[in-house]
């Protein structure tokens, strides 16, 4: 799932399918992030330069994946037990 999340986010960034409110720090993290290898089948995650972070980009990556793959039905009425 993590590999899929990163691939989907990278594609959305490249095609302009993912946008956000103005956040200079997130923009900076997208610019500095490189790929780090996960597994042997071409999977990747984000890597920050030594002494830096891509925590916001990681959070966006997982939130984007969750939004695309959730089975939640927003119009459904909640039932409390």
PDB file of N, CA and C in Angstrom:
ATOM      1  N   UNK A   1       0.812  -1.197   0.000  1.00  0.00           N
ATOM      2  CA  UNK A   1       0.000   0.000   0.000  1.00  0.00           C
ATOM      3  C   UNK A   1       0.861   1.268   0.000  1.00  0.00           C
ATOM      4  N   UNK A   2       1.961   1.238   0.751  1.00  0.00           N
ATOM      5  CA  UNK A   2       2.838   2.406   0.808  1.00  0.00           C
ATOM      6  C   UNK A   2       3.463   2.677  -0.557  1.00  0.00           C
ATOM      7  N   UNK A   3       3.871   1.641  -1.229  1.00  0.00           N
ATOM      8  CA  UNK A   3       4.459   1.798  -2.564  1.00  0.00           C
ATOM      9  C   UNK A   3       3.422   2.364  -3.533  1.00  0.00           C
ATOM     10  N   UNK A   4       2.219   1.842  -3.468  1.00  0.00           N
ATOM     11  CA  UNK A   4       1.138   2.340  -4.321  1.00  0.00           C
ATOM     12  C   UNK A   4       0.855   3.809  -4.012  1.00  0.00           C
ATOM     13  N   UNK A   5       0.827   4.156  -2.730  1.00  0.00           N
ATOM     14  CA  UNK A   5       0.566   5.548  -2.331  1.00  0.00           C
ATOM     15  C   UNK A   5       1.593   6.491  -2.930  1.00  0.00           C
ATOM     16  N   UNK A   6       2.859   6.114  -2.877  1.00  0.00           N
ATOM     17  CA  UNK A   6       3.908   6.974  -3.422  1.00  0.00           C
ATOM     18  C   UNK A   6       3.796   7.099  -4.942  1.00  0.00           C
ATOM     19  N   UNK A   7       3.527   6.004  -5.606  1.00  0.00           N
ATOM     20  CA  UNK A   7       3.382   6.043  -7.070  1.00  0.00           C
ATOM     21  C   UNK A   7       2.202   6.913  -7.490  1.00  0.00           C
ATOM     22  N   UNK A   8       1.068   6.760  -6.809  1.00  0.00           N
ATOM     23  CA  UNK A   8      -0.111   7.565  -7.141  1.00  0.00           C
ATOM     24  C   UNK A   8       0.138   9.051  -6.905  1.00  0.00           C
ATOM     25  N   UNK A   9       0.822   9.371  -5.816  1.00  0.00           N
ATOM     26  CA  UNK A   9       1.085  10.775  -5.502  1.00  0.00           C
ATOM     27  C   UNK A   9       2.061  11.382  -6.500  1.00  0.00           C
ATOM     28  N   UNK A  10       3.104  10.659  -6.841  1.00  0.00           N
ATOM     29  CA  UNK A  10       4.056  11.178  -7.816  1.00  0.00           C
ATOM     30  C   UNK A  10       3.359  11.451  -9.147  1.00  0.00           C
ATOM     31  N   UNK A  11       2.527  10.539  -9.584  1.00  0.00           N
ATOM     32  CA  UNK A  11       1.806  10.726 -10.843  1.00  0.00           C
ATOM     33  C   UNK A  11       0.881  11.939 -10.757  1.00  0.00           C
ATOM     34  N   UNK A  12       0.198  12.100  -9.621  1.00  0.00           N
ATOM     35  CA  UNK A  12      -0.703  13.243  -9.452  1.00  0.00           C
ATOM     36  C   UNK A  12       0.076  14.558  -9.444  1.00  0.00           C
ATOM     37  N   UNK A  13       1.255  14.559  -8.855  1.00  0.00           N
ATOM     38  CA  UNK A  13       2.083  15.764  -8.852  1.00  0.00           C
ATOM     39  C   UNK A  13       2.520  16.100 -10.276  1.00  0.00           C
ATOM     40  N   UNK A  14       2.957  15.087 -11.016  1.00  0.00           N
ATOM     41  CA  UNK A  14       3.437  15.306 -12.388  1.00  0.00           C
ATOM     42  C   UNK A  14       2.344  15.812 -13.320  1.00  0.00           C
ATOM     43  N   UNK A  15       1.129  15.293 -13.161  1.00  0.00           N
ATOM     44  CA  UNK A  15       0.041  15.636 -14.079  1.00  0.00           C
ATOM     45  C   UNK A  15      -0.795  16.820 -13.619  1.00  0.00           C
ATOM     46  N   UNK A  16      -0.505  17.331 -12.429  1.00  0.00           N
ATOM     47  CA  UNK A  16      -1.292  18.441 -11.907  1.00  0.00           C
ATOM     48  C   UNK A  16      -2.614  18.003 -11.309  1.00  0.00           C
ATOM     49  N   UNK A  17      -2.760  16.724 -11.044  1.00  0.00           N
ATOM     50  CA  UNK A  17      -3.997  16.195 -10.482  1.00  0.00           C
ATOM     51  C   UNK A  17      -4.096  16.333  -8.975  1.00  0.00           C
ATOM     52  N   UNK A  18      -3.118  16.958  -8.369  1.00  0.00           N
ATOM     53  CA  UNK A  18      -3.112  17.141  -6.925  1.00  0.00           C
ATOM     54  C   UNK A  18      -2.741  18.592  -6.661  1.00  0.00           C
ATOM     55  N   UNK A  19      -3.579  19.288  -5.933  1.00  0.00           N
ATOM     56  CA  UNK A  19      -3.286  20.685  -5.613  1.00  0.00           C
ATOM     57  C   UNK A  19      -3.442  20.891  -4.118  1.00  0.00           C
ATOM     58  N   UNK A  20      -2.978  22.050  -3.645  1.00  0.00           N
ATOM     59  CA  UNK A  20      -3.068  22.346  -2.222  1.00  0.00           C
ATOM     60  C   UNK A  20      -3.093  23.845  -2.007  1.00  0.00           C
ATOM     61  N   UNK A  21      -3.487  24.229  -0.807  1.00  0.00           N
ATOM     62  CA  UNK A  21      -3.418  25.638  -0.443  1.00  0.00           C
ATOM     63  C   UNK A  21      -1.953  26.038  -0.386  1.00  0.00           C
ATOM     64  N   UNK A  22      -1.694  27.299  -0.551  1.00  0.00           N
ATOM     65  CA  UNK A  22      -0.305  27.787  -0.546  1.00  0.00           C
ATOM     66  C   UNK A  22       0.402  27.368   0.739  1.00  0.00           C
ATOM     67  N   UNK A  23       1.486  26.630   0.580  1.00  0.00           N
ATOM     68  CA  UNK A  23       2.305  26.203   1.717  1.00  0.00           C
ATOM     69  C   UNK A  23       3.753  26.102   1.240  1.00  0.00           C
ATOM     70  N   UNK A  24       4.536  27.142   1.493  1.00  0.00           N
ATOM     71  CA  UNK A  24       5.919  27.160   1.018  1.00  0.00           C
ATOM     72  C   UNK A  24       6.743  25.969   1.507  1.00  0.00           C
ATOM     73  N   UNK A  25       6.479  25.493   2.721  1.00  0.00           N
ATOM     74  CA  UNK A  25       7.252  24.369   3.248  1.00  0.00           C
ATOM     75  C   UNK A  25       6.942  23.090   2.483  1.00  0.00           C
ATOM     76  N   UNK A  26       5.688  22.842   2.168  1.00  0.00           N
ATOM     77  CA  UNK A  26       5.342  21.666   1.377  1.00  0.00           C
ATOM     78  C   UNK A  26       5.949  21.769  -0.015  1.00  0.00           C
ATOM     79  N   UNK A  27       5.872  22.933  -0.626  1.00  0.00           N
ATOM     80  CA  UNK A  27       6.490  23.130  -1.944  1.00  0.00           C
ATOM     81  C   UNK A  27       7.986  22.828  -1.887  1.00  0.00           C
ATOM     82  N   UNK A  28       8.648  23.289  -0.828  1.00  0.00           N
ATOM     83  CA  UNK A  28      10.078  23.047  -0.671  1.00  0.00           C
ATOM     84  C   UNK A  28      10.367  21.555  -0.526  1.00  0.00           C
ATOM     85  N   UNK A  29       9.545  20.856   0.264  1.00  0.00           N
ATOM     86  CA  UNK A  29       9.767  19.432   0.465  1.00  0.00           C
ATOM     87  C   UNK A  29       9.573  18.644  -0.832  1.00  0.00           C
ATOM     88  N   UNK A  30       8.617  19.050  -1.638  1.00  0.00           N
ATOM     89  CA  UNK A  30       8.420  18.380  -2.935  1.00  0.00           C
ATOM     90  C   UNK A  30       9.654  18.581  -3.810  1.00  0.00           C
ATOM     91  N   UNK A  31      10.233  19.777  -3.782  1.00  0.00           N
ATOM     92  CA  UNK A  31      11.414  20.059  -4.605  1.00  0.00           C
ATOM     93  C   UNK A  31      12.649  19.279  -4.146  1.00  0.00           C
ATOM     94  N   UNK A  32      12.836  19.099  -2.834  1.00  0.00           N
ATOM     95  CA  UNK A  32      14.063  18.461  -2.338  1.00  0.00           C
ATOM     96  C   UNK A  32      13.969  16.945  -2.243  1.00  0.00           C
ATOM     97  N   UNK A  33      12.753  16.407  -2.278  1.00  0.00           N
ATOM     98  CA  UNK A  33      12.574  14.958  -2.095  1.00  0.00           C
ATOM     99  C   UNK A  33      13.180  14.174  -3.253  1.00  0.00           C
ATOM    100  N   UNK A  34      13.809  13.076  -2.902  1.00  0.00           N
ATOM    101  CA  UNK A  34      14.280  12.122  -3.893  1.00  0.00           C
ATOM    102  C   UNK A  34      13.628  10.784  -3.586  1.00  0.00           C
ATOM    103  N   UNK A  35      13.801   9.838  -4.467  1.00  0.00           N
ATOM    104  CA  UNK A  35      13.221   8.503  -4.256  1.00  0.00           C
ATOM    105  C   UNK A  35      14.207   7.625  -3.496  1.00  0.00           C
ATOM    106  N   UNK A  36      13.665   6.869  -2.520  1.00  0.00           N
ATOM    107  CA  UNK A  36      14.466   5.834  -1.884  1.00  0.00           C
ATOM    108  C   UNK A  36      13.808   4.503  -2.233  1.00  0.00           C
ATOM    109  N   UNK A  37      14.621   3.541  -2.540  1.00  0.00           N
ATOM    110  CA  UNK A  37      14.147   2.241  -3.005  1.00  0.00           C
ATOM    111  C   UNK A  37      13.437   1.488  -1.884  1.00  0.00           C
ATOM    112  N   UNK A  38      12.290   0.897  -2.230  1.00  0.00           N
ATOM    113  CA  UNK A  38      11.572  -0.019  -1.344  1.00  0.00           C
ATOM    114  C   UNK A  38      11.366  -1.312  -2.122  1.00  0.00           C
ATOM    115  N   UNK A  39      11.936  -2.397  -1.639  1.00  0.00           N
ATOM    116  CA  UNK A  39      11.777  -3.691  -2.301  1.00  0.00           C
ATOM    117  C   UNK A  39      12.589  -3.797  -3.576  1.00  0.00           C
ATOM    118  N   UNK A  40      12.325  -4.883  -4.302  1.00  0.00           N
ATOM    119  CA  UNK A  40      13.100  -5.172  -5.506  1.00  0.00           C
ATOM    120  C   UNK A  40      12.283  -5.000  -6.791  1.00  0.00           C
ATOM    121  N   UNK A  41      11.034  -4.547  -6.664  1.00  0.00           N
ATOM    122  CA  UNK A  41      10.168  -4.450  -7.837  1.00  0.00           C
ATOM    123  C   UNK A  41       9.959  -3.017  -8.303  1.00  0.00           C
ATOM    124  N   UNK A  42      10.849  -2.108  -7.923  1.00  0.00           N
ATOM    125  CA  UNK A  42      10.748  -0.732  -8.390  1.00  0.00           C
ATOM    126  C   UNK A  42       9.982   0.195  -7.474  1.00  0.00           C
ATOM    127  N   UNK A  43       9.568  -0.294  -6.314  1.00  0.00           N
ATOM    128  CA  UNK A  43       8.845   0.558  -5.380  1.00  0.00           C
ATOM    129  C   UNK A  43       9.757   1.617  -4.789  1.00  0.00           C
ATOM    130  N   UNK A  44       9.154   2.706  -4.332  1.00  0.00           N
ATOM    131  CA  UNK A  44       9.957   3.777  -3.750  1.00  0.00           C
ATOM    132  C   UNK A  44       9.173   4.516  -2.686  1.00  0.00           C
ATOM    133  N   UNK A  45       9.913   5.238  -1.865  1.00  0.00           N
ATOM    134  CA  UNK A  45       9.367   6.161  -0.877  1.00  0.00           C
ATOM    135  C   UNK A  45      10.124   7.462  -1.015  1.00  0.00           C
ATOM    136  N   UNK A  46       9.727   8.463  -0.237  1.00  0.00           N
ATOM    137  CA  UNK A  46      10.409   9.753  -0.302  1.00  0.00           C
ATOM    138  C   UNK A  46      11.627   9.750   0.607  1.00  0.00           C
ATOM    139  N   UNK A  47      12.677  10.410   0.172  1.00  0.00           N
ATOM    140  CA  UNK A  47      13.908  10.554   0.941  1.00  0.00           C
ATOM    141  C   UNK A  47      14.263  12.027   0.999  1.00  0.00           C
ATOM    142  N   UNK A  48      14.589  12.492   2.196  1.00  0.00           N
ATOM    143  CA  UNK A  48      15.037  13.879   2.369  1.00  0.00           C
ATOM    144  C   UNK A  48      16.552  13.913   2.399  1.00  0.00           C
ATOM    145  N   UNK A  49      17.145  15.019   2.008  1.00  0.00           N
ATOM    146  CA  UNK A  49      18.593  15.162   2.152  1.00  0.00           C
ATOM    147  C   UNK A  49      18.979  15.059   3.633  1.00  0.00           C
ATOM    148  N   UNK A  50      20.189  14.690   3.891  1.00  0.00           N
ATOM    149  CA  UNK A  50      20.688  14.567   5.266  1.00  0.00           C
ATOM    150  C   UNK A  50      20.374  15.827   6.064  1.00  0.00           C
ATOM    151  N   UNK A  51      19.783  15.648   7.234  1.00  0.00           N
ATOM    152  CA  UNK A  51      19.475  16.768   8.109  1.00  0.00           C
ATOM    153  C   UNK A  51      18.195  17.512   7.775  1.00  0.00           C
ATOM    154  N   UNK A  52      17.430  17.025   6.813  1.00  0.00           N
ATOM    155  CA  UNK A  52      16.184  17.676   6.412  1.00  0.00           C
ATOM    156  C   UNK A  52      15.038  16.686   6.580  1.00  0.00           C
ATOM    157  N   UNK A  53      13.838  17.092   6.231  1.00  0.00           N
ATOM    158  CA  UNK A  53      12.673  16.226   6.378  1.00  0.00           C
ATOM    159  C   UNK A  53      11.722  16.384   5.196  1.00  0.00           C
ATOM    160  N   UNK A  54      10.958  15.332   4.958  1.00  0.00           N
ATOM    161  CA  UNK A  54       9.865  15.380   3.987  1.00  0.00           C
ATOM    162  C   UNK A  54       8.589  14.879   4.662  1.00  0.00           C
ATOM    163  N   UNK A  55       8.440  15.201   5.941  1.00  0.00           N
ATOM    164  CA  UNK A  55       7.298  14.726   6.726  1.00  0.00           C
ATOM    165  C   UNK A  55       5.962  15.207   6.159  1.00  0.00           C
ATOM    166  N   UNK A  56       5.889  16.458   5.720  1.00  0.00           N
ATOM    167  CA  UNK A  56       4.642  16.955   5.127  1.00  0.00           C
ATOM    168  C   UNK A  56       4.311  16.198   3.846  1.00  0.00           C
ATOM    169  N   UNK A  57       5.306  15.945   3.029  1.00  0.00           N
ATOM    170  CA  UNK A  57       5.092  15.210   1.787  1.00  0.00           C
ATOM    171  C   UNK A  57       4.641  13.787   2.086  1.00  0.00           C
ATOM    172  N   UNK A  58       5.205  13.165   3.111  1.00  0.00           N
ATOM    173  CA  UNK A  58       4.751  11.827   3.515  1.00  0.00           C
ATOM    174  C   UNK A  58       3.299  11.857   3.967  1.00  0.00           C
ATOM    175  N   UNK A  59       2.927  12.869   4.742  1.00  0.00           N
ATOM    176  CA  UNK A  59       1.547  12.986   5.219  1.00  0.00           C
ATOM    177  C   UNK A  59       0.581  13.172   4.054  1.00  0.00           C
ATOM    178  N   UNK A  60       0.956  14.027   3.108  1.00  0.00           N
ATOM    179  CA  UNK A  60       0.119  14.254   1.923  1.00  0.00           C
ATOM    180  C   UNK A  60      -0.005  12.971   1.108  1.00  0.00           C
ATOM    181  N   UNK A  61       1.096  12.242   0.987  1.00  0.00           N
ATOM    182  CA  UNK A  61       1.099  11.001   0.218  1.00  0.00           C
ATOM    183  C   UNK A  61       0.089  10.015   0.786  1.00  0.00           C
ATOM    184  N   UNK A  62       0.118   9.818   2.097  1.00  0.00           N
ATOM    185  CA  UNK A  62      -0.790   8.851   2.712  1.00  0.00           C
ATOM    186  C   UNK A  62      -2.230   9.351   2.721  1.00  0.00           C
ATOM    187  N   UNK A  63      -2.442  10.656   2.911  1.00  0.00           N
ATOM    188  CA  UNK A  63      -3.797  11.211   2.869  1.00  0.00           C
ATOM    189  C   UNK A  63      -4.387  11.104   1.457  1.00  0.00           C
ATOM    190  N   UNK A  64      -3.574  11.370   0.457  1.00  0.00           N
ATOM    191  CA  UNK A  64      -4.024  11.255  -0.942  1.00  0.00           C
ATOM    192  C   UNK A  64      -4.427   9.815  -1.250  1.00  0.00           C
ATOM    193  N   UNK A  65      -3.596   8.868  -0.833  1.00  0.00           N
ATOM    194  CA  UNK A  65      -3.897   7.456  -1.064  1.00  0.00           C
ATOM    195  C   UNK A  65      -5.198   7.068  -0.354  1.00  0.00           C
ATOM    196  N   UNK A  66      -5.357   7.497   0.902  1.00  0.00           N
ATOM    197  CA  UNK A  66      -6.568   7.168   1.653  1.00  0.00           C
ATOM    198  C   UNK A  66      -7.809   7.744   0.989  1.00  0.00           C
ATOM    199  N   UNK A  67      -7.706   8.967   0.492  1.00  0.00           N
ATOM    200  CA  UNK A  67      -8.846   9.591  -0.184  1.00  0.00           C
ATOM    201  C   UNK A  67      -9.229   8.831  -1.450  1.00  0.00           C
ATOM    202  N   UNK A  68      -8.242   8.281  -2.138  1.00  0.00           N
ATOM    203  CA  UNK A  68      -8.520   7.534  -3.369  1.00  0.00           C
ATOM    204  C   UNK A  68      -9.045   6.131  -3.117  1.00  0.00           C
ATOM    205  N   UNK A  69      -8.699   5.540  -1.992  1.00  0.00           N
ATOM    206  CA  UNK A  69      -9.014   4.123  -1.772  1.00  0.00           C
ATOM    207  C   UNK A  69     -10.039   3.865  -0.680  1.00  0.00           C
ATOM    208  N   UNK A  70     -10.543   4.909  -0.023  1.00  0.00           N
ATOM    209  CA  UNK A  70     -11.484   4.698   1.073  1.00  0.00           C
ATOM    210  C   UNK A  70     -12.789   4.081   0.577  1.00  0.00           C
ATOM    211  N   UNK A  71     -13.414   3.334   1.450  1.00  0.00           N
ATOM    212  CA  UNK A  71     -14.710   2.733   1.132  1.00  0.00           C
ATOM    213  C   UNK A  71     -15.815   3.457   1.899  1.00  0.00           C
ATOM    214  N   UNK A  72     -15.469   4.587   2.481  1.00  0.00           N
ATOM    215  CA  UNK A  72     -16.406   5.381   3.257  1.00  0.00           C
ATOM    216  C   UNK A  72     -17.463   5.978   2.333  1.00  0.00           C
ATOM    217  N   UNK A  73     -18.674   6.084   2.829  1.00  0.00           N
ATOM    218  CA  UNK A  73     -19.785   6.667   2.079  1.00  0.00           C
ATOM    219  C   UNK A  73     -20.243   7.925   2.818  1.00  0.00           C
ATOM    220  N   UNK A  74     -19.806   9.105   2.366  1.00  0.00           N
ATOM    221  CA  UNK A  74     -20.100  10.340   3.098  1.00  0.00           C
ATOM    222  C   UNK A  74     -21.587  10.621   3.313  1.00  0.00           C
ATOM    223  N   UNK A  75     -22.456  10.186   2.428  1.00  0.00           N
ATOM    224  CA  UNK A  75     -23.880  10.466   2.569  1.00  0.00           C
ATOM    225  C   UNK A  75     -24.617   9.493   3.476  1.00  0.00           C
ATOM    226  N   UNK A  76     -23.941   8.445   3.900  1.00  0.00           N
ATOM    227  CA  UNK A  76     -24.567   7.421   4.726  1.00  0.00           C
ATOM    228  C   UNK A  76     -24.788   7.950   6.135  1.00  0.00           C
ATOM    229  N   UNK A  77     -25.921   7.602   6.727  1.00  0.00           N
ATOM    230  CA  UNK A  77     -26.220   8.044   8.071  1.00  0.00           C
ATOM    231  C   UNK A  77     -25.469   7.173   9.076  1.00  0.00           C
ATOM    232  N   UNK A  78     -24.802   7.820  10.027  1.00  0.00           N
ATOM    233  CA  UNK A  78     -24.056   7.086  11.059  1.00  0.00           C
ATOM    234  C   UNK A  78     -25.023   6.545  12.103  1.00  0.00           C
ATOM    235  N   UNK A  79     -24.704   5.358  12.598  1.00  0.00           N
ATOM    236  CA  UNK A  79     -25.505   4.750  13.648  1.00  0.00           C
ATOM    237  C   UNK A  79     -24.588   4.512  14.844  1.00  0.00           C
ATOM    238  N   UNK A  80     -24.945   5.105  15.970  1.00  0.00           N
ATOM    239  CA  UNK A  80     -24.157   4.913  17.194  1.00  0.00           C
ATOM    240  C   UNK A  80     -24.744   3.760  17.981  1.00  0.00           C
ATOM    241  N   UNK A  81     -23.889   2.900  18.473  1.00  0.00           N
ATOM    242  CA  UNK A  81     -24.352   1.750  19.261  1.00  0.00           C
ATOM    243  C   UNK A  81     -24.269   2.035  20.728  1.00  0.00           C
TER     244      UNK A  81
END
